[in-house]
Amino acid sequence: MAQDVGLPPNEDLHVLRGRVAELGELVQSLRNQISDLTDDLDAARATKRELMTHLNTTRAASIAEVHLQ
């Protein structure tokens, strides 16, 4: 009956459904990895901003100290 409407035999449908389930799990896993990596990237960017602020503040203080001498 499935072949009457252009579908593969039931055995093939079972294999295809299994593959779809596997790919669904893979997609979810990759989404989780992207989320984790995005969090890591956000944390690295925040750290860089803090370090640059500290560096710029330290430089500005050093320059001001030199000019006051």
PDB file of N, CA and C in Angstrom:
ATOM      1  N   MET A   1       0.808  -1.191   0.000  1.00  0.00           N
ATOM      2  CA  MET A   1       0.000   0.000   0.000  1.00  0.00           C
ATOM      3  C   MET A   1       0.855   1.261   0.000  1.00  0.00           C
ATOM      4  N   ALA A   2       1.952   1.260   0.762  1.00  0.00           N
ATOM      5  CA  ALA A   2       2.821   2.426   0.790  1.00  0.00           C
ATOM      6  C   ALA A   2       3.383   2.709  -0.600  1.00  0.00           C
ATOM      7  N   GLN A   3       3.680   1.617  -1.342  1.00  0.00           N
ATOM      8  CA  GLN A   3       4.228   1.811  -2.678  1.00  0.00           C
ATOM      9  C   GLN A   3       3.201   2.426  -3.617  1.00  0.00           C
ATOM     10  N   ASP A   4       1.936   2.229  -3.336  1.00  0.00           N
ATOM     11  CA  ASP A   4       0.886   2.788  -4.186  1.00  0.00           C
ATOM     12  C   ASP A   4       0.903   4.314  -4.187  1.00  0.00           C
ATOM     13  N   VAL A   5       1.362   4.915  -3.109  1.00  0.00           N
ATOM     14  CA  VAL A   5       1.398   6.381  -3.034  1.00  0.00           C
ATOM     15  C   VAL A   5       2.821   6.918  -3.172  1.00  0.00           C
ATOM     16  N   GLY A   6       3.732   6.077  -3.616  1.00  0.00           N
ATOM     17  CA  GLY A   6       5.090   6.524  -3.887  1.00  0.00           C
ATOM     18  C   GLY A   6       6.025   6.461  -2.694  1.00  0.00           C
ATOM     19  N   LEU A   7       5.625   5.821  -1.608  1.00  0.00           N
ATOM     20  CA  LEU A   7       6.491   5.676  -0.444  1.00  0.00           C
ATOM     21  C   LEU A   7       7.303   4.400  -0.561  1.00  0.00           C
ATOM     22  N   PRO A   8       8.479   4.387   0.066  1.00  0.00           N
ATOM     23  CA  PRO A   8       9.273   3.154   0.049  1.00  0.00           C
ATOM     24  C   PRO A   8       8.610   2.085   0.911  1.00  0.00           C
ATOM     25  N   PRO A   9       9.069   0.839   0.784  1.00  0.00           N
ATOM     26  CA  PRO A   9       8.511  -0.247   1.610  1.00  0.00           C
ATOM     27  C   PRO A   9       8.668   0.057   3.101  1.00  0.00           C
ATOM     28  N   ASN A  10       7.855  -0.602   3.922  1.00  0.00           N
ATOM     29  CA  ASN A  10       7.854  -0.366   5.369  1.00  0.00           C
ATOM     30  C   ASN A  10       9.233  -0.507   5.998  1.00  0.00           C
ATOM     31  N   GLU A  11      10.019  -1.481   5.530  1.00  0.00           N
ATOM     32  CA  GLU A  11      11.360  -1.676   6.085  1.00  0.00           C
ATOM     33  C   GLU A  11      12.207  -0.424   5.864  1.00  0.00           C
ATOM     34  N   ASP A  12      12.115   0.141   4.669  1.00  0.00           N
ATOM     35  CA  ASP A  12      12.873   1.357   4.365  1.00  0.00           C
ATOM     36  C   ASP A  12      12.369   2.534   5.190  1.00  0.00           C
ATOM     37  N   LEU A  13      11.067   2.605   5.398  1.00  0.00           N
ATOM     38  CA  LEU A  13      10.510   3.675   6.226  1.00  0.00           C
ATOM     39  C   LEU A  13      11.040   3.582   7.649  1.00  0.00           C
ATOM     40  N   HIS A  14      11.145   2.359   8.158  1.00  0.00           N
ATOM     41  CA  HIS A  14      11.679   2.156   9.505  1.00  0.00           C
ATOM     42  C   HIS A  14      13.124   2.656   9.580  1.00  0.00           C
ATOM     43  N   VAL A  15      13.928   2.321   8.576  1.00  0.00           N
ATOM     44  CA  VAL A  15      15.327   2.770   8.522  1.00  0.00           C
ATOM     45  C   VAL A  15      15.378   4.293   8.421  1.00  0.00           C
ATOM     46  N   LEU A  16      14.541   4.870   7.573  1.00  0.00           N
ATOM     47  CA  LEU A  16      14.525   6.313   7.403  1.00  0.00           C
ATOM     48  C   LEU A  16      14.103   7.031   8.689  1.00  0.00           C
ATOM     49  N   ARG A  17      13.104   6.481   9.363  1.00  0.00           N
ATOM     50  CA  ARG A  17      12.669   7.087  10.634  1.00  0.00           C
ATOM     51  C   ARG A  17      13.788   7.032  11.672  1.00  0.00           C
ATOM     52  N   GLY A  18      14.509   5.925  11.696  1.00  0.00           N
ATOM     53  CA  GLY A  18      15.650   5.811  12.603  1.00  0.00           C
ATOM     54  C   GLY A  18      16.715   6.841  12.285  1.00  0.00           C
ATOM     55  N   ARG A  19      16.974   7.018  11.001  1.00  0.00           N
ATOM     56  CA  ARG A  19      17.993   8.001  10.581  1.00  0.00           C
ATOM     57  C   ARG A  19      17.536   9.415  10.932  1.00  0.00           C
ATOM     58  N   VAL A  20      16.264   9.708  10.744  1.00  0.00           N
ATOM     59  CA  VAL A  20      15.726  11.024  11.097  1.00  0.00           C
ATOM     60  C   VAL A  20      15.896  11.260  12.598  1.00  0.00           C
ATOM     61  N   ALA A  21      15.635  10.246  13.403  1.00  0.00           N
ATOM     62  CA  ALA A  21      15.803  10.364  14.853  1.00  0.00           C
ATOM     63  C   ALA A  21      17.269  10.623  15.203  1.00  0.00           C
ATOM     64  N   GLU A  22      18.186   9.893  14.562  1.00  0.00           N
ATOM     65  CA  GLU A  22      19.621  10.101  14.793  1.00  0.00           C
ATOM     66  C   GLU A  22      20.030  11.526  14.435  1.00  0.00           C
ATOM     67  N   LEU A  23      19.560  11.986  13.292  1.00  0.00           N
ATOM     68  CA  LEU A  23      19.913  13.340  12.863  1.00  0.00           C
ATOM     69  C   LEU A  23      19.312  14.393  13.784  1.00  0.00           C
ATOM     70  N   GLY A  24      18.116  14.122  14.300  1.00  0.00           N
ATOM     71  CA  GLY A  24      17.512  15.039  15.267  1.00  0.00           C
ATOM     72  C   GLY A  24      18.362  15.154  16.520  1.00  0.00           C
ATOM     73  N   GLU A  25      18.876  14.014  16.997  1.00  0.00           N
ATOM     74  CA  GLU A  25      19.757  14.021  18.165  1.00  0.00           C
ATOM     75  C   GLU A  25      21.056  14.761  17.858  1.00  0.00           C
ATOM     76  N   LEU A  26      21.590  14.554  16.663  1.00  0.00           N
ATOM     77  CA  LEU A  26      22.813  15.243  16.263  1.00  0.00           C
ATOM     78  C   LEU A  26      22.598  16.755  16.220  1.00  0.00           C
ATOM     79  N   VAL A  27      21.482  17.176  15.663  1.00  0.00           N
ATOM     80  CA  VAL A  27      21.166  18.601  15.600  1.00  0.00           C
ATOM     81  C   VAL A  27      21.098  19.187  17.010  1.00  0.00           C
ATOM     82  N   GLN A  28      20.436  18.486  17.921  1.00  0.00           N
ATOM     83  CA  GLN A  28      20.330  18.982  19.297  1.00  0.00           C
ATOM     84  C   GLN A  28      21.700  19.061  19.949  1.00  0.00           C
ATOM     85  N   SER A  29      22.527  18.061  19.727  1.00  0.00           N
ATOM     86  CA  SER A  29      23.877  18.064  20.280  1.00  0.00           C
ATOM     87  C   SER A  29      24.686  19.239  19.742  1.00  0.00           C
ATOM     88  N   LEU A  30      24.579  19.476  18.454  1.00  0.00           N
ATOM     89  CA  LEU A  30      25.309  20.598  17.850  1.00  0.00           C
ATOM     90  C   LEU A  30      24.789  21.938  18.366  1.00  0.00           C
ATOM     91  N   ARG A  31      23.484  22.039  18.583  1.00  0.00           N
ATOM     92  CA  ARG A  31      22.927  23.272  19.163  1.00  0.00           C
ATOM     93  C   ARG A  31      23.485  23.505  20.561  1.00  0.00           C
ATOM     94  N   ASN A  32      23.592  22.434  21.340  1.00  0.00           N
ATOM     95  CA  ASN A  32      24.156  22.556  22.684  1.00  0.00           C
ATOM     96  C   ASN A  32      25.618  22.992  22.624  1.00  0.00           C
ATOM     97  N   GLN A  33      26.372  22.425  21.682  1.00  0.00           N
ATOM     98  CA  GLN A  33      27.772  22.820  21.532  1.00  0.00           C
ATOM     99  C   GLN A  33      27.889  24.280  21.137  1.00  0.00           C
ATOM    100  N   ILE A  34      27.040  24.725  20.226  1.00  0.00           N
ATOM    101  CA  ILE A  34      27.057  26.127  19.810  1.00  0.00           C
ATOM    102  C   ILE A  34      26.746  27.029  20.997  1.00  0.00           C
ATOM    103  N   SER A  35      25.782  26.635  21.799  1.00  0.00           N
ATOM    104  CA  SER A  35      25.419  27.418  22.975  1.00  0.00           C
ATOM    105  C   SER A  35      26.594  27.510  23.950  1.00  0.00           C
ATOM    106  N   ASP A  36      27.248  26.379  24.200  1.00  0.00           N
ATOM    107  CA  ASP A  36      28.403  26.368  25.100  1.00  0.00           C
ATOM    108  C   ASP A  36      29.531  27.235  24.556  1.00  0.00           C
ATOM    109  N   LEU A  37      29.811  27.109  23.267  1.00  0.00           N
ATOM    110  CA  LEU A  37      30.880  27.898  22.666  1.00  0.00           C
ATOM    111  C   LEU A  37      30.543  29.385  22.659  1.00  0.00           C
ATOM    112  N   THR A  38      29.272  29.713  22.477  1.00  0.00           N
ATOM    113  CA  THR A  38      28.849  31.104  22.531  1.00  0.00           C
ATOM    114  C   THR A  38      29.062  31.668  23.936  1.00  0.00           C
ATOM    115  N   ASP A  39      28.724  30.876  24.940  1.00  0.00           N
ATOM    116  CA  ASP A  39      28.967  31.297  26.324  1.00  0.00           C
ATOM    117  C   ASP A  39      30.460  31.522  26.568  1.00  0.00           C
ATOM    118  N   ASP A  40      31.295  30.599  26.085  1.00  0.00           N
ATOM    119  CA  ASP A  40      32.747  30.745  26.231  1.00  0.00           C
ATOM    120  C   ASP A  40      33.248  32.004  25.532  1.00  0.00           C
ATOM    121  N   LEU A  41      32.745  32.256  24.335  1.00  0.00           N
ATOM    122  CA  LEU A  41      33.148  33.434  23.587  1.00  0.00           C
ATOM    123  C   LEU A  41      32.730  34.712  24.304  1.00  0.00           C
ATOM    124  N   ASP A  42      31.509  34.730  24.827  1.00  0.00           N
ATOM    125  CA  ASP A  42      31.037  35.901  25.579  1.00  0.00           C
ATOM    126  C   ASP A  42      31.917  36.150  26.799  1.00  0.00           C
ATOM    127  N   ALA A  43      32.292  35.085  27.497  1.00  0.00           N
ATOM    128  CA  ALA A  43      33.157  35.223  28.674  1.00  0.00           C
ATOM    129  C   ALA A  43      34.541  35.741  28.267  1.00  0.00           C
ATOM    130  N   ALA A  44      35.071  35.237  27.167  1.00  0.00           N
ATOM    131  CA  ALA A  44      36.383  35.695  26.691  1.00  0.00           C
ATOM    132  C   ALA A  44      36.326  37.165  26.293  1.00  0.00           C
ATOM    133  N   ARG A  45      35.256  37.575  25.651  1.00  0.00           N
ATOM    134  CA  ARG A  45      35.113  38.981  25.273  1.00  0.00           C
ATOM    135  C   ARG A  45      35.029  39.879  26.506  1.00  0.00           C
ATOM    136  N   ALA A  46      34.286  39.427  27.507  1.00  0.00           N
ATOM    137  CA  ALA A  46      34.164  40.212  28.738  1.00  0.00           C
ATOM    138  C   ALA A  46      35.527  40.345  29.420  1.00  0.00           C
ATOM    139  N   THR A  47      36.287  39.254  29.463  1.00  0.00           N
ATOM    140  CA  THR A  47      37.621  39.283  30.053  1.00  0.00           C
ATOM    141  C   THR A  47      38.528  40.222  29.281  1.00  0.00           C
ATOM    142  N   LYS A  48      38.447  40.187  27.971  1.00  0.00           N
ATOM    143  CA  LYS A  48      39.271  41.080  27.146  1.00  0.00           C
ATOM    144  C   LYS A  48      38.918  42.543  27.439  1.00  0.00           C
ATOM    145  N   ARG A  49      37.619  42.829  27.533  1.00  0.00           N
ATOM    146  CA  ARG A  49      37.218  44.209  27.844  1.00  0.00           C
ATOM    147  C   ARG A  49      37.783  44.661  29.186  1.00  0.00           C
ATOM    148  N   GLU A  50      37.696  43.780  30.188  1.00  0.00           N
ATOM    149  CA  GLU A  50      38.239  44.110  31.509  1.00  0.00           C
ATOM    150  C   GLU A  50      39.742  44.345  31.457  1.00  0.00           C
ATOM    151  N   LEU A  51      40.445  43.472  30.739  1.00  0.00           N
ATOM    152  CA  LEU A  51      41.898  43.619  30.622  1.00  0.00           C
ATOM    153  C   LEU A  51      42.281  44.901  29.884  1.00  0.00           C
ATOM    154  N   MET A  52      41.555  45.211  28.827  1.00  0.00           N
ATOM    155  CA  MET A  52      41.843  46.437  28.073  1.00  0.00           C
ATOM    156  C   MET A  52      41.555  47.670  28.927  1.00  0.00           C
ATOM    157  N   THR A  53      40.475  47.636  29.698  1.00  0.00           N
ATOM    158  CA  THR A  53      40.164  48.751  30.594  1.00  0.00           C
ATOM    159  C   THR A  53      41.272  48.914  31.625  1.00  0.00           C
ATOM    160  N   HIS A  54      41.712  47.805  32.210  1.00  0.00           N
ATOM    161  CA  HIS A  54      42.797  47.847  33.196  1.00  0.00           C
ATOM    162  C   HIS A  54      44.079  48.384  32.561  1.00  0.00           C
ATOM    163  N   LEU A  55      44.395  47.890  31.378  1.00  0.00           N
ATOM    164  CA  LEU A  55      45.602  48.336  30.691  1.00  0.00           C
ATOM    165  C   LEU A  55      45.529  49.829  30.388  1.00  0.00           C
ATOM    166  N   ASN A  56      44.408  50.288  29.867  1.00  0.00           N
ATOM    167  CA  ASN A  56      44.258  51.706  29.538  1.00  0.00           C
ATOM    168  C   ASN A  56      44.301  52.577  30.788  1.00  0.00           C
ATOM    169  N   THR A  57      43.721  52.099  31.879  1.00  0.00           N
ATOM    170  CA  THR A  57      43.745  52.855  33.131  1.00  0.00           C
ATOM    171  C   THR A  57      45.164  52.930  33.672  1.00  0.00           C
ATOM    172  N   THR A  58      45.875  51.810  33.616  1.00  0.00           N
ATOM    173  CA  THR A  58      47.257  51.782  34.092  1.00  0.00           C
ATOM    174  C   THR A  58      48.137  52.688  33.247  1.00  0.00           C
ATOM    175  N   ARG A  59      47.967  52.647  31.945  1.00  0.00           N
ATOM    176  CA  ARG A  59      48.746  53.517  31.057  1.00  0.00           C
ATOM    177  C   ARG A  59      48.457  54.985  31.324  1.00  0.00           C
ATOM    178  N   ALA A  60      47.178  55.299  31.476  1.00  0.00           N
ATOM    179  CA  ALA A  60      46.799  56.691  31.725  1.00  0.00           C
ATOM    180  C   ALA A  60      47.401  57.176  33.036  1.00  0.00           C
ATOM    181  N   ALA A  61      47.398  56.331  34.053  1.00  0.00           N
ATOM    182  CA  ALA A  61      47.979  56.701  35.343  1.00  0.00           C
ATOM    183  C   ALA A  61      49.484  56.887  35.210  1.00  0.00           C
ATOM    184  N   SER A  62      50.138  56.029  34.453  1.00  0.00           N
ATOM    185  CA  SER A  62      51.587  56.144  34.250  1.00  0.00           C
ATOM    186  C   SER A  62      51.928  57.416  33.497  1.00  0.00           C
ATOM    187  N   ILE A  63      51.164  57.739  32.494  1.00  0.00           N
ATOM    188  CA  ILE A  63      51.410  58.955  31.711  1.00  0.00           C
ATOM    189  C   ILE A  63      51.189  60.191  32.580  1.00  0.00           C
ATOM    190  N   ALA A  64      50.131  60.181  33.376  1.00  0.00           N
ATOM    191  CA  ALA A  64      49.850  61.320  34.253  1.00  0.00           C
ATOM    192  C   ALA A  64      50.959  61.479  35.275  1.00  0.00           C
ATOM    193  N   GLU A  65      51.483  60.375  35.788  1.00  0.00           N
ATOM    194  CA  GLU A  65      52.557  60.420  36.772  1.00  0.00           C
ATOM    195  C   GLU A  65      53.810  61.019  36.170  1.00  0.00           C
ATOM    196  N   VAL A  66      54.120  60.662  34.936  1.00  0.00           N
ATOM    197  CA  VAL A  66      55.309  61.189  34.258  1.00  0.00           C
ATOM    198  C   VAL A  66      55.162  62.695  34.062  1.00  0.00           C
ATOM    199  N   HIS A  67      53.992  63.150  33.698  1.00  0.00           N
ATOM    200  CA  HIS A  67      53.752  64.574  33.454  1.00  0.00           C
ATOM    201  C   HIS A  67      53.760  65.379  34.749  1.00  0.00           C
ATOM    202  N   LEU A  68      53.456  64.760  35.866  1.00  0.00           N
ATOM    203  CA  LEU A  68      53.431  65.479  37.141  1.00  0.00           C
ATOM    204  C   LEU A  68      54.818  65.618  37.740  1.00  0.00           C
ATOM    205  N   GLN A  69      55.761  64.853  37.255  1.00  0.00           N
ATOM    206  CA  GLN A  69      57.124  64.908  37.834  1.00  0.00           C
ATOM    207  C   GLN A  69      57.884  66.079  37.333  1.00  0.00           C
TER     208      GLN A  69
END
